Amino acid sequence: MMVTQSCLTIIFDGSFYKAILECHDDVNYSVASVTLGSSIPKMSLILKLVNQDYQRFHFHHEPNGTPIVTKHINPNVPND
């Protein structure tokens, strides 16, 4: 049985908030990004994006399940 895992991360790149969606299973890894705007996204926007506007994501695929991005940064923890 193949299990597909996904992770949605919201980041602020200094100008805009972006949604990054990572999906992977035993064979493939794919990642997509959507710009959400310059104001803090509300939960209703995030839910609409995932539930209704999924086609806005343009996935980039990496074979063999190798992640392109492996480091996650918590924006609530100051970097020293």
PDB file of N, CA and C in Angstrom:
ATOM      1  N   MET A   1       0.831  -1.175   0.000  1.00  0.00           N
ATOM      2  CA  MET A   1       0.000   0.000   0.000  1.00  0.00           C
ATOM      3  C   MET A   1       0.880   1.245   0.000  1.00  0.00           C
ATOM      4  N   MET A   2       0.643   2.133  -0.952  1.00  0.00           N
ATOM      5  CA  MET A   2       1.424   3.354  -1.058  1.00  0.00           C
ATOM      6  C   MET A   2       0.766   4.460  -0.241  1.00  0.00           C
ATOM      7  N   VAL A   3       1.565   5.154   0.549  1.00  0.00           N
ATOM      8  CA  VAL A   3       1.082   6.258   1.370  1.00  0.00           C
ATOM      9  C   VAL A   3       1.656   7.554   0.816  1.00  0.00           C
ATOM     10  N   THR A   4       0.799   8.518   0.588  1.00  0.00           N
ATOM     11  CA  THR A   4       1.229   9.835   0.134  1.00  0.00           C
ATOM     12  C   THR A   4       1.110  10.807   1.288  1.00  0.00           C
ATOM     13  N   GLN A   5       2.192  11.529   1.553  1.00  0.00           N
ATOM     14  CA  GLN A   5       2.201  12.526   2.614  1.00  0.00           C
ATOM     15  C   GLN A   5       2.352  13.896   1.988  1.00  0.00           C
ATOM     16  N   SER A   6       1.732  14.885   2.596  1.00  0.00           N
ATOM     17  CA  SER A   6       1.880  16.250   2.106  1.00  0.00           C
ATOM     18  C   SER A   6       1.986  17.207   3.281  1.00  0.00           C
ATOM     19  N   CYS A   7       2.595  18.351   3.000  1.00  0.00           N
ATOM     20  CA  CYS A   7       2.818  19.361   4.020  1.00  0.00           C
ATOM     21  C   CYS A   7       2.603  20.737   3.391  1.00  0.00           C
ATOM     22  N   LEU A   8       1.781  21.558   4.015  1.00  0.00           N
ATOM     23  CA  LEU A   8       1.565  22.927   3.559  1.00  0.00           C
ATOM     24  C   LEU A   8       2.252  23.863   4.532  1.00  0.00           C
ATOM     25  N   THR A   9       3.133  24.710   4.014  1.00  0.00           N
ATOM     26  CA  THR A   9       3.874  25.660   4.825  1.00  0.00           C
ATOM     27  C   THR A   9       3.600  27.065   4.311  1.00  0.00           C
ATOM     28  N   ILE A  10       3.277  27.994   5.195  1.00  0.00           N
ATOM     29  CA  ILE A  10       3.083  29.401   4.839  1.00  0.00           C
ATOM     30  C   ILE A  10       4.317  30.153   5.305  1.00  0.00           C
ATOM     31  N   ILE A  11       4.953  30.879   4.381  1.00  0.00           N
ATOM     32  CA  ILE A  11       6.160  31.632   4.724  1.00  0.00           C
ATOM     33  C   ILE A  11       5.992  33.089   4.308  1.00  0.00           C
ATOM     34  N   PHE A  12       6.786  33.963   4.909  1.00  0.00           N
ATOM     35  CA  PHE A  12       6.856  35.378   4.523  1.00  0.00           C
ATOM     36  C   PHE A  12       8.272  35.618   4.042  1.00  0.00           C
ATOM     37  N   ASP A  13       8.425  36.002   2.776  1.00  0.00           N
ATOM     38  CA  ASP A  13       9.765  36.142   2.199  1.00  0.00           C
ATOM     39  C   ASP A  13      10.314  37.565   2.280  1.00  0.00           C
ATOM     40  N   GLY A  14       9.689  38.427   3.064  1.00  0.00           N
ATOM     41  CA  GLY A  14      10.140  39.799   3.180  1.00  0.00           C
ATOM     42  C   GLY A  14       9.211  40.754   2.457  1.00  0.00           C
ATOM     43  N   SER A  15       8.522  40.270   1.442  1.00  0.00           N
ATOM     44  CA  SER A  15       7.576  41.088   0.688  1.00  0.00           C
ATOM     45  C   SER A  15       6.190  40.465   0.620  1.00  0.00           C
ATOM     46  N   PHE A  16       6.144  39.149   0.427  1.00  0.00           N
ATOM     47  CA  PHE A  16       4.880  38.462   0.221  1.00  0.00           C
ATOM     48  C   PHE A  16       4.800  37.191   1.058  1.00  0.00           C
ATOM     49  N   TYR A  17       3.575  36.802   1.369  1.00  0.00           N
ATOM     50  CA  TYR A  17       3.329  35.497   1.978  1.00  0.00           C
ATOM     51  C   TYR A  17       3.173  34.480   0.861  1.00  0.00           C
ATOM     52  N   LYS A  18       3.755  33.310   1.060  1.00  0.00           N
ATOM     53  CA  LYS A  18       3.686  32.247   0.062  1.00  0.00           C
ATOM     54  C   LYS A  18       3.243  30.957   0.723  1.00  0.00           C
ATOM     55  N   ALA A  19       2.510  30.161  -0.036  1.00  0.00           N
ATOM     56  CA  ALA A  19       2.125  28.822   0.394  1.00  0.00           C
ATOM     57  C   ALA A  19       2.998  27.833  -0.362  1.00  0.00           C
ATOM     58  N   ILE A  20       3.662  26.939   0.359  1.00  0.00           N
ATOM     59  CA  ILE A  20       4.503  25.918  -0.252  1.00  0.00           C
ATOM     60  C   ILE A  20       3.897  24.570   0.106  1.00  0.00           C
ATOM     61  N   LEU A  21       3.569  23.797  -0.912  1.00  0.00           N
ATOM     62  CA  LEU A  21       2.975  22.489  -0.713  1.00  0.00           C
ATOM     63  C   LEU A  21       3.953  21.427  -1.173  1.00  0.00           C
ATOM     64  N   GLU A  22       4.333  20.537  -0.258  1.00  0.00           N
ATOM     65  CA  GLU A  22       5.233  19.430  -0.565  1.00  0.00           C
ATOM     66  C   GLU A  22       4.442  18.130  -0.485  1.00  0.00           C
ATOM     67  N   CYS A  23       4.605  17.259  -1.470  1.00  0.00           N
ATOM     68  CA  CYS A  23       3.956  15.947  -1.484  1.00  0.00           C
ATOM     69  C   CYS A  23       5.014  14.899  -1.788  1.00  0.00           C
ATOM     70  N   HIS A  24       4.971  13.786  -1.050  1.00  0.00           N
ATOM     71  CA  HIS A  24       5.901  12.714  -1.358  1.00  0.00           C
ATOM     72  C   HIS A  24       5.313  11.369  -0.969  1.00  0.00           C
ATOM     73  N   ASP A  25       5.764  10.353  -1.691  1.00  0.00           N
ATOM     74  CA  ASP A  25       5.415   8.968  -1.395  1.00  0.00           C
ATOM     75  C   ASP A  25       6.695   8.155  -1.502  1.00  0.00           C
ATOM     76  N   ASP A  26       6.588   6.880  -1.652  1.00  0.00           N
ATOM     77  CA  ASP A  26       7.786   6.037  -1.711  1.00  0.00           C
ATOM     78  C   ASP A  26       8.608   6.258  -2.969  1.00  0.00           C
ATOM     79  N   VAL A  27       8.013   6.826  -4.004  1.00  0.00           N
ATOM     80  CA  VAL A  27       8.679   6.929  -5.296  1.00  0.00           C
ATOM     81  C   VAL A  27       8.961   8.367  -5.713  1.00  0.00           C
ATOM     82  N   ASN A  28       8.035   9.271  -5.486  1.00  0.00           N
ATOM     83  CA  ASN A  28       8.143  10.630  -6.019  1.00  0.00           C
ATOM     84  C   ASN A  28       8.088  11.684  -4.926  1.00  0.00           C
ATOM     85  N   TYR A  29       8.678  12.829  -5.242  1.00  0.00           N
ATOM     86  CA  TYR A  29       8.604  14.020  -4.401  1.00  0.00           C
ATOM     87  C   TYR A  29       8.248  15.173  -5.318  1.00  0.00           C
ATOM     88  N   SER A  30       7.296  16.011  -4.914  1.00  0.00           N
ATOM     89  CA  SER A  30       6.938  17.181  -5.711  1.00  0.00           C
ATOM     90  C   SER A  30       6.683  18.352  -4.778  1.00  0.00           C
ATOM     91  N   VAL A  31       6.939  19.543  -5.291  1.00  0.00           N
ATOM     92  CA  VAL A  31       6.773  20.762  -4.507  1.00  0.00           C
ATOM     93  C   VAL A  31       6.171  21.834  -5.411  1.00  0.00           C
ATOM     94  N   ALA A  32       5.318  22.667  -4.796  1.00  0.00           N
ATOM     95  CA  ALA A  32       4.689  23.765  -5.525  1.00  0.00           C
ATOM     96  C   ALA A  32       4.597  24.972  -4.600  1.00  0.00           C
ATOM     97  N   SER A  33       4.511  26.159  -5.206  1.00  0.00           N
ATOM     98  CA  SER A  33       4.442  27.396  -4.442  1.00  0.00           C
ATOM     99  C   SER A  33       3.411  28.323  -5.072  1.00  0.00           C
ATOM    100  N   VAL A  34       2.656  29.018  -4.217  1.00  0.00           N
ATOM    101  CA  VAL A  34       1.678  30.008  -4.666  1.00  0.00           C
ATOM    102  C   VAL A  34       1.871  31.261  -3.825  1.00  0.00           C
ATOM    103  N   THR A  35       1.937  32.421  -4.466  1.00  0.00           N
ATOM    104  CA  THR A  35       2.026  33.686  -3.748  1.00  0.00           C
ATOM    105  C   THR A  35       0.637  34.076  -3.268  1.00  0.00           C
ATOM    106  N   LEU A  36       0.528  34.385  -1.965  1.00  0.00           N
ATOM    107  CA  LEU A  36      -0.767  34.703  -1.366  1.00  0.00           C
ATOM    108  C   LEU A  36      -1.035  36.192  -1.246  1.00  0.00           C
ATOM    109  N   GLY A  37      -0.014  37.013  -1.233  1.00  0.00           N
ATOM    110  CA  GLY A  37      -0.186  38.462  -1.112  1.00  0.00           C
ATOM    111  C   GLY A  37       0.691  39.029  -0.021  1.00  0.00           C
ATOM    112  N   SER A  38       0.534  40.337   0.234  1.00  0.00           N
ATOM    113  CA  SER A  38       1.411  41.010   1.188  1.00  0.00           C
ATOM    114  C   SER A  38       0.838  41.075   2.597  1.00  0.00           C
ATOM    115  N   SER A  39      -0.437  40.759   2.781  1.00  0.00           N
ATOM    116  CA  SER A  39      -1.022  40.757   4.121  1.00  0.00           C
ATOM    117  C   SER A  39      -1.120  39.323   4.654  1.00  0.00           C
ATOM    118  N   ILE A  40      -1.205  39.206   5.961  1.00  0.00           N
ATOM    119  CA  ILE A  40      -1.259  37.891   6.599  1.00  0.00           C
ATOM    120  C   ILE A  40      -2.485  37.132   6.089  1.00  0.00           C
ATOM    121  N   PRO A  41      -2.279  35.927   5.540  1.00  0.00           N
ATOM    122  CA  PRO A  41      -3.423  35.178   5.009  1.00  0.00           C
ATOM    123  C   PRO A  41      -4.320  34.665   6.132  1.00  0.00           C
ATOM    124  N   LYS A  42      -5.628  34.780   5.921  1.00  0.00           N
ATOM    125  CA  LYS A  42      -6.591  34.278   6.902  1.00  0.00           C
ATOM    126  C   LYS A  42      -6.827  32.798   6.660  1.00  0.00           C
ATOM    127  N   MET A  43      -7.290  32.114   7.690  1.00  0.00           N
ATOM    128  CA  MET A  43      -7.539  30.682   7.593  1.00  0.00           C
ATOM    129  C   MET A  43      -8.544  30.368   6.486  1.00  0.00           C
ATOM    130  N   SER A  44      -9.526  31.241   6.280  1.00  0.00           N
ATOM    131  CA  SER A  44     -10.516  31.000   5.222  1.00  0.00           C
ATOM    132  C   SER A  44      -9.852  30.980   3.845  1.00  0.00           C
ATOM    133  N   LEU A  45      -8.857  31.833   3.610  1.00  0.00           N
ATOM    134  CA  LEU A  45      -8.127  31.839   2.344  1.00  0.00           C
ATOM    135  C   LEU A  45      -7.316  30.553   2.182  1.00  0.00           C
ATOM    136  N   ILE A  46      -6.676  30.112   3.239  1.00  0.00           N
ATOM    137  CA  ILE A  46      -5.865  28.895   3.178  1.00  0.00           C
ATOM    138  C   ILE A  46      -6.735  27.678   2.905  1.00  0.00           C
ATOM    139  N   LEU A  47      -7.879  27.588   3.593  1.00  0.00           N
ATOM    140  CA  LEU A  47      -8.794  26.468   3.366  1.00  0.00           C
ATOM    141  C   LEU A  47      -9.357  26.480   1.949  1.00  0.00           C
ATOM    142  N   LYS A  48      -9.694  27.664   1.437  1.00  0.00           N
ATOM    143  CA  LYS A  48     -10.194  27.778   0.060  1.00  0.00           C
ATOM    144  C   LYS A  48      -9.121  27.344  -0.932  1.00  0.00           C
ATOM    145  N   LEU A  49      -7.895  27.728  -0.675  1.00  0.00           N
ATOM    146  CA  LEU A  49      -6.788  27.361  -1.549  1.00  0.00           C
ATOM    147  C   LEU A  49      -6.630  25.850  -1.620  1.00  0.00           C
ATOM    148  N   VAL A  50      -6.672  25.182  -0.484  1.00  0.00           N
ATOM    149  CA  VAL A  50      -6.475  23.731  -0.444  1.00  0.00           C
ATOM    150  C   VAL A  50      -7.706  22.988  -0.973  1.00  0.00           C
ATOM    151  N   ASN A  51      -8.890  23.422  -0.588  1.00  0.00           N
ATOM    152  CA  ASN A  51     -10.105  22.687  -0.925  1.00  0.00           C
ATOM    153  C   ASN A  51     -10.683  23.002  -2.300  1.00  0.00           C
ATOM    154  N   GLN A  52     -10.494  24.230  -2.799  1.00  0.00           N
ATOM    155  CA  GLN A  52     -11.143  24.621  -4.047  1.00  0.00           C
ATOM    156  C   GLN A  52     -10.175  25.062  -5.146  1.00  0.00           C
ATOM    157  N   ASP A  53      -9.058  25.669  -4.776  1.00  0.00           N
ATOM    158  CA  ASP A  53      -8.142  26.248  -5.766  1.00  0.00           C
ATOM    159  C   ASP A  53      -6.851  25.457  -5.909  1.00  0.00           C
ATOM    160  N   TYR A  54      -6.940  24.153  -5.719  1.00  0.00           N
ATOM    161  CA  TYR A  54      -5.762  23.286  -5.772  1.00  0.00           C
ATOM    162  C   TYR A  54      -5.063  23.368  -7.127  1.00  0.00           C
ATOM    163  N   GLN A  55      -5.804  23.675  -8.196  1.00  0.00           N
ATOM    164  CA  GLN A  55      -5.238  23.745  -9.535  1.00  0.00           C
ATOM    165  C   GLN A  55      -4.269  24.923  -9.696  1.00  0.00           C
ATOM    166  N   ARG A  56      -4.263  25.856  -8.754  1.00  0.00           N
ATOM    167  CA  ARG A  56      -3.304  26.967  -8.810  1.00  0.00           C
ATOM    168  C   ARG A  56      -1.873  26.504  -8.553  1.00  0.00           C
ATOM    169  N   PHE A  57      -1.729  25.346  -7.910  1.00  0.00           N
ATOM    170  CA  PHE A  57      -0.396  24.815  -7.643  1.00  0.00           C
ATOM    171  C   PHE A  57       0.162  24.160  -8.905  1.00  0.00           C
ATOM    172  N   HIS A  58       1.372  24.529  -9.296  1.00  0.00           N
ATOM    173  CA  HIS A  58       2.078  23.911 -10.423  1.00  0.00           C
ATOM    174  C   HIS A  58       3.253  23.138  -9.825  1.00  0.00           C
ATOM    175  N   PHE A  59       3.104  21.826  -9.768  1.00  0.00           N
ATOM    176  CA  PHE A  59       4.080  20.985  -9.082  1.00  0.00           C
ATOM    177  C   PHE A  59       5.323  20.740  -9.928  1.00  0.00           C
ATOM    178  N   HIS A  60       6.460  20.745  -9.247  1.00  0.00           N
ATOM    179  CA  HIS A  60       7.743  20.376  -9.827  1.00  0.00           C
ATOM    180  C   HIS A  60       8.111  19.037  -9.200  1.00  0.00           C
ATOM    181  N   HIS A  61       8.397  18.052 -10.029  1.00  0.00           N
ATOM    182  CA  HIS A  61       8.605  16.689  -9.550  1.00  0.00           C
ATOM    183  C   HIS A  61      10.082  16.337  -9.496  1.00  0.00           C
ATOM    184  N   GLU A  62      10.437  15.590  -8.474  1.00  0.00           N
ATOM    185  CA  GLU A  62      11.785  15.055  -8.302  1.00  0.00           C
ATOM    186  C   GLU A  62      11.641  13.547  -8.144  1.00  0.00           C
ATOM    187  N   PRO A  63      12.244  12.761  -9.029  1.00  0.00           N
ATOM    188  CA  PRO A  63      12.098  11.302  -8.936  1.00  0.00           C
ATOM    189  C   PRO A  63      12.840  10.712  -7.738  1.00  0.00           C
ATOM    190  N   ASN A  64      12.504   9.493  -7.421  1.00  0.00           N
ATOM    191  CA  ASN A  64      13.163   8.696  -6.380  1.00  0.00           C
ATOM    192  C   ASN A  64      12.910   9.205  -4.970  1.00  0.00           C
ATOM    193  N   GLY A  65      11.907  10.036  -4.771  1.00  0.00           N
ATOM    194  CA  GLY A  65      11.536  10.474  -3.429  1.00  0.00           C
ATOM    195  C   GLY A  65      12.551  11.365  -2.755  1.00  0.00           C
ATOM    196  N   THR A  66      13.475  11.964  -3.501  1.00  0.00           N
ATOM    197  CA  THR A  66      14.509  12.813  -2.928  1.00  0.00           C
ATOM    198  C   THR A  66      13.980  14.234  -2.772  1.00  0.00           C
ATOM    199  N   PRO A  67      13.852  14.736  -1.554  1.00  0.00           N
ATOM    200  CA  PRO A  67      13.345  16.095  -1.373  1.00  0.00           C
ATOM    201  C   PRO A  67      14.302  17.141  -1.922  1.00  0.00           C
ATOM    202  N   ILE A  68      13.756  18.171  -2.523  1.00  0.00           N
ATOM    203  CA  ILE A  68      14.555  19.294  -3.004  1.00  0.00           C
ATOM    204  C   ILE A  68      14.907  20.191  -1.822  1.00  0.00           C
ATOM    205  N   VAL A  69      13.941  20.453  -0.950  1.00  0.00           N
ATOM    206  CA  VAL A  69      14.131  21.278   0.236  1.00  0.00           C
ATOM    207  C   VAL A  69      14.080  20.368   1.452  1.00  0.00           C
ATOM    208  N   THR A  70      15.116  20.442   2.292  1.00  0.00           N
ATOM    209  CA  THR A  70      15.143  19.564   3.454  1.00  0.00           C
ATOM    210  C   THR A  70      15.155  20.323   4.772  1.00  0.00           C
ATOM    211  N   LYS A  71      15.322  21.646   4.748  1.00  0.00           N
ATOM    212  CA  LYS A  71      15.398  22.420   5.974  1.00  0.00           C
ATOM    213  C   LYS A  71      14.160  23.291   6.103  1.00  0.00           C
ATOM    214  N   HIS A  72      13.485  23.191   7.252  1.00  0.00           N
ATOM    215  CA  HIS A  72      12.327  24.017   7.545  1.00  0.00           C
ATOM    216  C   HIS A  72      12.730  25.027   8.608  1.00  0.00           C
ATOM    217  N   ILE A  73      12.304  26.268   8.433  1.00  0.00           N
ATOM    218  CA  ILE A  73      12.643  27.334   9.367  1.00  0.00           C
ATOM    219  C   ILE A  73      11.374  27.760  10.081  1.00  0.00           C
ATOM    220  N   ASN A  74      11.418  27.774  11.406  1.00  0.00           N
ATOM    221  CA  ASN A  74      10.290  28.234  12.201  1.00  0.00           C
ATOM    222  C   ASN A  74      10.373  29.755  12.305  1.00  0.00           C
ATOM    223  N   PRO A  75       9.386  30.486  11.761  1.00  0.00           N
ATOM    224  CA  PRO A  75       9.466  31.950  11.786  1.00  0.00           C
ATOM    225  C   PRO A  75       9.268  32.545  13.176  1.00  0.00           C
ATOM    226  N   ASN A  76       8.796  31.739  14.128  1.00  0.00           N
ATOM    227  CA  ASN A  76       8.564  32.236  15.480  1.00  0.00           C
ATOM    228  C   ASN A  76       9.801  32.162  16.361  1.00  0.00           C
ATOM    229  N   VAL A  77      10.864  31.533  15.867  1.00  0.00           N
ATOM    230  CA  VAL A  77      12.089  31.397  16.645  1.00  0.00           C
ATOM    231  C   VAL A  77      13.147  32.301  16.022  1.00  0.00           C
ATOM    232  N   PRO A  78      13.722  33.221  16.807  1.00  0.00           N
ATOM    233  CA  PRO A  78      14.741  34.114  16.240  1.00  0.00           C
ATOM    234  C   PRO A  78      15.983  33.349  15.822  1.00  0.00           C
ATOM    235  N   ASN A  79      16.550  33.725  14.657  1.00  0.00           N
ATOM    236  CA  ASN A  79      17.796  33.124  14.181  1.00  0.00           C
ATOM    237  C   ASN A  79      18.973  33.837  14.812  1.00  0.00           C
ATOM    238  N   ASP A  80      19.908  33.096  15.356  1.00  0.00           N
ATOM    239  CA  ASP A  80      21.103  33.701  15.981  1.00  0.00           C
ATOM    240  C   ASP A  80      22.290  33.618  15.068  1.00  0.00           C
TER     241      ASP A  80
END
